[in-house]
Amino acid sequence: MSVEWFKRVYVYTKPFILMILLQASYAVYGLVVKSALNKGLNHYTFSVYRNTYASLFCGPFAFFLERNVRPKMTTSIFLKIMLLGLLGPVIDQNLFFAGLDLTTTTFAMAMRNIVPAITFVMAWIFRYSWS
């Protein structure tokens, strides 16, 4: 077997391997969060800590790398960002952590995986089209 064969196999299997690693990290994440919640951590507190650390880590990258390509901040854009910020991290994470606290890890992670299917059904019901 040549080096070229290994390179082709690597290029072909790279997306699959990365997806397997991503799913494994989600499983480990669910187990760690469930363990912390079982030991008494409040899911609201955990959500605040998680968003705070994400902002502190990603904020400087966004500020320096996207500084010159951002559109002008208008009231409309600001309100959309606020709405997305409320719906995405706040409601989603709090509902997920509350469900994880009240059920098993397996059930909570399985329910999280049906979000794309529910999104598709909602788009179909409201006749949303990409074109």
N, C-alpha and C. Protein backbone atom coordinates (compact mmCIF):
# COMPACT_ATOMS: atom_id res chain seq x y z
N MET A 1 0.83 -1.18 0.00
CA MET A 1 0.00 0.00 0.00
C MET A 1 0.88 1.24 0.00
N SER A 2 0.54 2.14 -0.86
CA SER A 2 1.35 3.33 -1.02
C SER A 2 0.82 4.47 -0.15
N VAL A 3 1.63 5.50 -0.10
CA VAL A 3 1.25 6.71 0.64
C VAL A 3 0.05 7.38 -0.03
N GLU A 4 0.00 7.32 -1.34
CA GLU A 4 -1.13 7.91 -2.06
C GLU A 4 -2.44 7.23 -1.69
N TRP A 5 -2.42 5.92 -1.48
CA TRP A 5 -3.64 5.20 -1.09
C TRP A 5 -4.14 5.68 0.27
N PHE A 6 -3.21 5.85 1.23
CA PHE A 6 -3.59 6.35 2.54
C PHE A 6 -4.14 7.77 2.47
N LYS A 7 -3.57 8.60 1.61
CA LYS A 7 -4.07 9.97 1.44
C LYS A 7 -5.49 9.96 0.89
N ARG A 8 -5.77 9.11 -0.11
CA ARG A 8 -7.11 9.02 -0.68
C ARG A 8 -8.12 8.52 0.35
N VAL A 9 -7.71 7.51 1.12
CA VAL A 9 -8.61 6.97 2.15
C VAL A 9 -8.87 8.04 3.21
N TYR A 10 -7.84 8.78 3.59
CA TYR A 10 -7.99 9.83 4.58
C TYR A 10 -8.95 10.91 4.08
N VAL A 11 -8.77 11.36 2.86
CA VAL A 11 -9.63 12.40 2.30
C VAL A 11 -11.07 11.91 2.20
N TYR A 12 -11.25 10.65 1.82
CA TYR A 12 -12.60 10.10 1.66
C TYR A 12 -13.30 9.90 3.00
N THR A 13 -12.58 9.45 4.02
CA THR A 13 -13.21 9.12 5.30
C THR A 13 -13.18 10.26 6.32
N LYS A 14 -12.52 11.34 6.02
CA LYS A 14 -12.40 12.45 6.98
C LYS A 14 -13.76 12.97 7.45
N PRO A 15 -14.73 13.25 6.59
CA PRO A 15 -16.03 13.72 7.10
C PRO A 15 -16.72 12.71 8.02
N PHE A 16 -16.62 11.43 7.70
CA PHE A 16 -17.25 10.41 8.52
C PHE A 16 -16.60 10.32 9.89
N ILE A 17 -15.29 10.36 9.91
CA ILE A 17 -14.57 10.28 11.18
C ILE A 17 -14.88 11.50 12.05
N LEU A 18 -14.90 12.68 11.44
CA LEU A 18 -15.21 13.89 12.19
C LEU A 18 -16.65 13.85 12.73
N MET A 19 -17.58 13.32 11.97
CA MET A 19 -18.96 13.22 12.44
C MET A 19 -19.07 12.23 13.60
N ILE A 20 -18.34 11.14 13.53
CA ILE A 20 -18.34 10.18 14.64
C ILE A 20 -17.75 10.82 15.89
N LEU A 21 -16.67 11.58 15.75
CA LEU A 21 -16.08 12.27 16.89
C LEU A 21 -17.02 13.32 17.46
N LEU A 22 -17.74 14.02 16.61
CA LEU A 22 -18.71 15.02 17.07
C LEU A 22 -19.82 14.37 17.87
N GLN A 23 -20.38 13.27 17.36
CA GLN A 23 -21.44 12.58 18.08
C GLN A 23 -20.93 12.00 19.41
N ALA A 24 -19.71 11.50 19.41
CA ALA A 24 -19.13 10.99 20.65
C ALA A 24 -18.95 12.12 21.67
N SER A 25 -18.54 13.30 21.19
CA SER A 25 -18.39 14.43 22.12
C SER A 25 -19.74 14.87 22.66
N TYR A 26 -20.80 14.82 21.86
CA TYR A 26 -22.15 15.12 22.36
C TYR A 26 -22.56 14.13 23.44
N ALA A 27 -22.23 12.86 23.25
CA ALA A 27 -22.59 11.85 24.25
C ALA A 27 -21.84 12.09 25.56
N VAL A 28 -20.55 12.37 25.47
CA VAL A 28 -19.77 12.65 26.68
C VAL A 28 -20.28 13.92 27.35
N TYR A 29 -20.60 14.92 26.56
CA TYR A 29 -21.15 16.17 27.09
C TYR A 29 -22.45 15.91 27.86
N GLY A 30 -23.34 15.11 27.29
CA GLY A 30 -24.60 14.78 27.96
C GLY A 30 -24.37 14.06 29.28
N LEU A 31 -23.41 13.14 29.30
CA LEU A 31 -23.12 12.42 30.53
C LEU A 31 -22.53 13.33 31.60
N VAL A 32 -21.64 14.22 31.21
CA VAL A 32 -21.02 15.14 32.18
C VAL A 32 -22.07 16.10 32.74
N VAL A 33 -22.93 16.64 31.87
CA VAL A 33 -23.96 17.57 32.33
C VAL A 33 -24.95 16.85 33.25
N LYS A 34 -25.36 15.65 32.87
CA LYS A 34 -26.29 14.89 33.71
C LYS A 34 -25.67 14.61 35.08
N SER A 35 -24.39 14.28 35.11
CA SER A 35 -23.70 14.04 36.38
C SER A 35 -23.70 15.31 37.23
N ALA A 36 -23.41 16.45 36.61
CA ALA A 36 -23.39 17.71 37.36
C ALA A 36 -24.78 18.06 37.87
N LEU A 37 -25.80 17.84 37.06
CA LEU A 37 -27.17 18.14 37.48
C LEU A 37 -27.61 17.20 38.60
N ASN A 38 -27.19 15.96 38.56
CA ASN A 38 -27.53 15.02 39.62
C ASN A 38 -26.87 15.38 40.95
N LYS A 39 -25.73 16.06 40.88
CA LYS A 39 -25.03 16.44 42.11
C LYS A 39 -25.53 17.76 42.66
N GLY A 40 -26.55 18.35 42.02
CA GLY A 40 -27.18 19.54 42.60
C GLY A 40 -26.97 20.84 41.85
N LEU A 41 -26.30 20.84 40.71
CA LEU A 41 -26.12 22.06 39.96
C LEU A 41 -27.45 22.49 39.34
N ASN A 42 -27.81 23.73 39.51
CA ASN A 42 -29.03 24.26 38.93
C ASN A 42 -28.84 24.45 37.43
N HIS A 43 -29.83 24.04 36.62
CA HIS A 43 -29.64 24.13 35.17
C HIS A 43 -29.62 25.57 34.67
N TYR A 44 -30.24 26.51 35.38
CA TYR A 44 -30.15 27.92 35.00
C TYR A 44 -28.72 28.44 35.21
N THR A 45 -28.12 28.05 36.31
CA THR A 45 -26.75 28.46 36.60
C THR A 45 -25.78 27.88 35.56
N PHE A 46 -25.98 26.62 35.22
CA PHE A 46 -25.11 25.99 34.23
C PHE A 46 -25.23 26.68 32.88
N SER A 47 -26.44 27.07 32.49
CA SER A 47 -26.65 27.76 31.22
C SER A 47 -25.93 29.11 31.21
N VAL A 48 -26.00 29.84 32.32
CA VAL A 48 -25.32 31.14 32.40
C VAL A 48 -23.81 30.95 32.31
N TYR A 49 -23.26 29.97 33.03
CA TYR A 49 -21.83 29.71 32.96
C TYR A 49 -21.40 29.33 31.54
N ARG A 50 -22.18 28.48 30.91
CA ARG A 50 -21.83 28.02 29.57
C ARG A 50 -21.81 29.18 28.58
N ASN A 51 -22.82 30.04 28.61
CA ASN A 51 -22.88 31.18 27.70
C ASN A 51 -21.80 32.21 28.01
N THR A 52 -21.48 32.38 29.28
CA THR A 52 -20.43 33.33 29.66
C THR A 52 -19.07 32.87 29.14
N TYR A 53 -18.74 31.60 29.34
CA TYR A 53 -17.46 31.09 28.84
C TYR A 53 -17.40 31.12 27.32
N ALA A 54 -18.51 30.81 26.66
CA ALA A 54 -18.52 30.86 25.19
C ALA A 54 -18.31 32.29 24.70
N SER A 55 -18.93 33.26 25.35
CA SER A 55 -18.75 34.66 24.95
C SER A 55 -17.33 35.13 25.17
N LEU A 56 -16.76 34.75 26.31
CA LEU A 56 -15.38 35.16 26.60
C LEU A 56 -14.38 34.51 25.65
N PHE A 57 -14.66 33.30 25.21
CA PHE A 57 -13.75 32.61 24.30
C PHE A 57 -13.93 33.08 22.86
N CYS A 58 -15.17 33.21 22.39
CA CYS A 58 -15.43 33.54 20.99
C CYS A 58 -15.46 35.04 20.71
N GLY A 59 -15.74 35.84 21.72
CA GLY A 59 -15.86 37.28 21.54
C GLY A 59 -14.65 37.94 20.92
N PRO A 60 -13.44 37.71 21.45
CA PRO A 60 -12.26 38.35 20.84
C PRO A 60 -12.02 37.94 19.39
N PHE A 61 -12.27 36.66 19.07
CA PHE A 61 -12.12 36.23 17.67
C PHE A 61 -13.09 36.98 16.78
N ALA A 62 -14.34 37.08 17.21
CA ALA A 62 -15.34 37.78 16.41
C ALA A 62 -14.99 39.26 16.27
N PHE A 63 -14.51 39.86 17.34
CA PHE A 63 -14.20 41.28 17.28
C PHE A 63 -13.04 41.58 16.34
N PHE A 64 -11.97 40.80 16.42
CA PHE A 64 -10.79 41.10 15.61
C PHE A 64 -10.88 40.56 14.18
N LEU A 65 -11.48 39.40 13.99
CA LEU A 65 -11.53 38.81 12.65
C LEU A 65 -12.68 39.34 11.80
N GLU A 66 -13.76 39.77 12.42
CA GLU A 66 -14.93 40.22 11.68
C GLU A 66 -15.13 41.73 11.77
N ARG A 67 -14.16 42.44 12.27
CA ARG A 67 -14.30 43.87 12.52
C ARG A 67 -14.62 44.66 11.25
N ASN A 68 -14.00 44.33 10.15
CA ASN A 68 -14.16 45.13 8.93
C ASN A 68 -15.24 44.62 8.00
N VAL A 69 -15.86 43.50 8.30
CA VAL A 69 -16.86 42.94 7.38
C VAL A 69 -18.28 42.98 7.94
N ARG A 70 -18.45 43.53 9.13
CA ARG A 70 -19.78 43.61 9.71
C ARG A 70 -20.59 44.70 9.03
N PRO A 71 -21.91 44.47 8.87
CA PRO A 71 -22.75 45.56 8.36
C PRO A 71 -22.98 46.60 9.45
N LYS A 72 -23.46 47.74 9.06
CA LYS A 72 -23.74 48.80 10.02
C LYS A 72 -24.86 48.34 10.96
N MET A 73 -24.71 48.60 12.24
CA MET A 73 -25.69 48.17 13.24
C MET A 73 -26.90 49.11 13.20
N THR A 74 -28.00 48.59 12.69
CA THR A 74 -29.25 49.34 12.67
C THR A 74 -30.18 48.79 13.74
N THR A 75 -31.27 49.49 13.98
CA THR A 75 -32.24 49.03 14.98
C THR A 75 -32.83 47.69 14.58
N SER A 76 -33.09 47.50 13.30
CA SER A 76 -33.66 46.24 12.83
C SER A 76 -32.69 45.08 13.06
N ILE A 77 -31.43 45.26 12.72
CA ILE A 77 -30.43 44.22 12.92
C ILE A 77 -30.26 43.94 14.41
N PHE A 78 -30.23 44.98 15.22
CA PHE A 78 -30.07 44.80 16.66
C PHE A 78 -31.23 43.99 17.25
N LEU A 79 -32.46 44.31 16.86
CA LEU A 79 -33.62 43.58 17.37
C LEU A 79 -33.61 42.12 16.92
N LYS A 80 -33.17 41.87 15.69
CA LYS A 80 -33.07 40.48 15.21
C LYS A 80 -32.02 39.71 16.00
N ILE A 81 -30.89 40.33 16.28
CA ILE A 81 -29.85 39.68 17.07
C ILE A 81 -30.36 39.38 18.48
N MET A 82 -31.08 40.32 19.07
CA MET A 82 -31.63 40.10 20.41
C MET A 82 -32.64 38.96 20.41
N LEU A 83 -33.50 38.90 19.40
CA LEU A 83 -34.49 37.83 19.32
C LEU A 83 -33.82 36.47 19.14
N LEU A 84 -32.84 36.41 18.24
CA LEU A 84 -32.11 35.15 18.05
C LEU A 84 -31.33 34.75 19.29
N GLY A 85 -30.76 35.72 19.99
CA GLY A 85 -30.05 35.43 21.22
C GLY A 85 -30.96 34.89 22.31
N LEU A 86 -32.19 35.39 22.33
CA LEU A 86 -33.15 34.90 23.31
C LEU A 86 -33.64 33.50 22.96
N LEU A 87 -33.96 33.28 21.71
CA LEU A 87 -34.52 32.00 21.30
C LEU A 87 -33.47 30.89 21.27
N GLY A 88 -32.29 31.20 20.80
CA GLY A 88 -31.27 30.16 20.64
C GLY A 88 -30.71 29.67 21.95
N PRO A 89 -29.78 30.39 22.51
CA PRO A 89 -29.11 29.87 23.69
C PRO A 89 -29.99 29.83 24.93
N VAL A 90 -30.77 30.86 25.15
CA VAL A 90 -31.47 30.96 26.43
C VAL A 90 -32.59 29.92 26.54
N ILE A 91 -33.55 29.97 25.65
CA ILE A 91 -34.68 29.06 25.75
C ILE A 91 -34.25 27.63 25.43
N ASP A 92 -33.49 27.45 24.38
CA ASP A 92 -33.08 26.10 23.97
C ASP A 92 -32.28 25.40 25.06
N GLN A 93 -31.26 26.07 25.57
CA GLN A 93 -30.42 25.44 26.58
C GLN A 93 -31.17 25.19 27.88
N ASN A 94 -32.00 26.14 28.30
CA ASN A 94 -32.73 25.93 29.55
C ASN A 94 -33.73 24.80 29.42
N LEU A 95 -34.40 24.68 28.29
CA LEU A 95 -35.33 23.57 28.11
C LEU A 95 -34.56 22.24 28.03
N PHE A 96 -33.43 22.23 27.35
CA PHE A 96 -32.63 21.00 27.26
C PHE A 96 -32.12 20.57 28.62
N PHE A 97 -31.58 21.52 29.39
CA PHE A 97 -31.04 21.17 30.70
C PHE A 97 -32.15 20.76 31.67
N ALA A 98 -33.31 21.40 31.58
CA ALA A 98 -34.43 21.00 32.43
C ALA A 98 -34.88 19.58 32.07
N GLY A 99 -34.97 19.29 30.78
CA GLY A 99 -35.32 17.94 30.35
C GLY A 99 -34.29 16.92 30.76
N LEU A 100 -33.03 17.29 30.67
CA LEU A 100 -31.95 16.39 31.07
C LEU A 100 -31.98 16.14 32.57
N ASP A 101 -32.35 17.16 33.33
CA ASP A 101 -32.45 17.01 34.77
C ASP A 101 -33.60 16.09 35.17
N LEU A 102 -34.68 16.11 34.38
CA LEU A 102 -35.88 15.36 34.74
C LEU A 102 -35.97 13.98 34.09
N THR A 103 -35.14 13.70 33.09
CA THR A 103 -35.19 12.40 32.41
C THR A 103 -33.79 11.79 32.37
N THR A 104 -33.65 10.75 31.57
CA THR A 104 -32.34 10.11 31.43
C THR A 104 -31.53 10.81 30.34
N THR A 105 -30.25 10.57 30.37
CA THR A 105 -29.36 11.14 29.36
C THR A 105 -29.70 10.62 27.97
N THR A 106 -30.00 9.33 27.88
CA THR A 106 -30.31 8.72 26.59
C THR A 106 -31.53 9.38 25.95
N PHE A 107 -32.58 9.56 26.74
CA PHE A 107 -33.81 10.17 26.21
C PHE A 107 -33.57 11.61 25.79
N ALA A 108 -32.87 12.39 26.60
CA ALA A 108 -32.62 13.80 26.29
C ALA A 108 -31.79 13.95 25.02
N MET A 109 -30.76 13.12 24.86
CA MET A 109 -29.92 13.23 23.66
C MET A 109 -30.68 12.76 22.42
N ALA A 110 -31.55 11.77 22.56
CA ALA A 110 -32.35 11.31 21.43
C ALA A 110 -33.33 12.39 21.00
N MET A 111 -33.93 13.07 21.95
CA MET A 111 -34.87 14.15 21.61
C MET A 111 -34.15 15.32 20.94
N ARG A 112 -32.91 15.56 21.34
CA ARG A 112 -32.16 16.66 20.71
C ARG A 112 -31.86 16.35 19.25
N ASN A 113 -31.74 15.07 18.91
CA ASN A 113 -31.43 14.69 17.54
C ASN A 113 -32.63 14.79 16.60
N ILE A 114 -33.84 14.98 17.12
CA ILE A 114 -34.99 15.11 16.22
C ILE A 114 -35.29 16.57 15.87
N VAL A 115 -34.50 17.50 16.37
CA VAL A 115 -34.73 18.92 16.07
C VAL A 115 -34.72 19.20 14.56
N PRO A 116 -33.78 18.66 13.76
CA PRO A 116 -33.85 18.93 12.31
C PRO A 116 -35.13 18.41 11.67
N ALA A 117 -35.63 17.26 12.13
CA ALA A 117 -36.87 16.73 11.57
C ALA A 117 -38.05 17.63 11.91
N ILE A 118 -38.11 18.11 13.13
CA ILE A 118 -39.19 19.01 13.52
C ILE A 118 -39.10 20.32 12.75
N THR A 119 -37.89 20.81 12.54
CA THR A 119 -37.70 22.03 11.75
C THR A 119 -38.21 21.84 10.33
N PHE A 120 -37.91 20.68 9.73
CA PHE A 120 -38.39 20.40 8.38
C PHE A 120 -39.91 20.36 8.34
N VAL A 121 -40.54 19.70 9.30
CA VAL A 121 -42.01 19.60 9.32
C VAL A 121 -42.63 20.99 9.49
N MET A 122 -42.04 21.80 10.36
CA MET A 122 -42.57 23.16 10.54
C MET A 122 -42.42 23.99 9.27
N ALA A 123 -41.28 23.85 8.59
CA ALA A 123 -41.09 24.57 7.32
C ALA A 123 -42.10 24.10 6.29
N TRP A 124 -42.41 22.82 6.28
CA TRP A 124 -43.39 22.28 5.33
C TRP A 124 -44.79 22.78 5.66
N ILE A 125 -45.13 22.83 6.94
CA ILE A 125 -46.46 23.31 7.35
C ILE A 125 -46.64 24.77 6.98
N PHE A 126 -45.63 25.59 7.21
CA PHE A 126 -45.73 27.02 6.89
C PHE A 126 -45.35 27.36 5.45
N ARG A 127 -45.17 26.31 4.64
CA ARG A 127 -44.86 26.45 3.21
C ARG A 127 -43.63 27.33 2.95
N TYR A 128 -42.60 27.11 3.76
CA TYR A 128 -41.36 27.84 3.58
C TYR A 128 -40.56 27.23 2.45
N SER A 129 -40.08 28.06 1.56
CA SER A 129 -39.32 27.59 0.41
C SER A 129 -37.96 28.27 0.37
N TRP A 130 -36.93 27.54 -0.04
CA TRP A 130 -35.58 28.11 -0.14
C TRP A 130 -35.40 28.93 -1.40
N SER A 131 -36.28 28.80 -2.36
CA SER A 131 -36.08 29.55 -3.61
C SER A 131 -36.72 30.91 -3.59
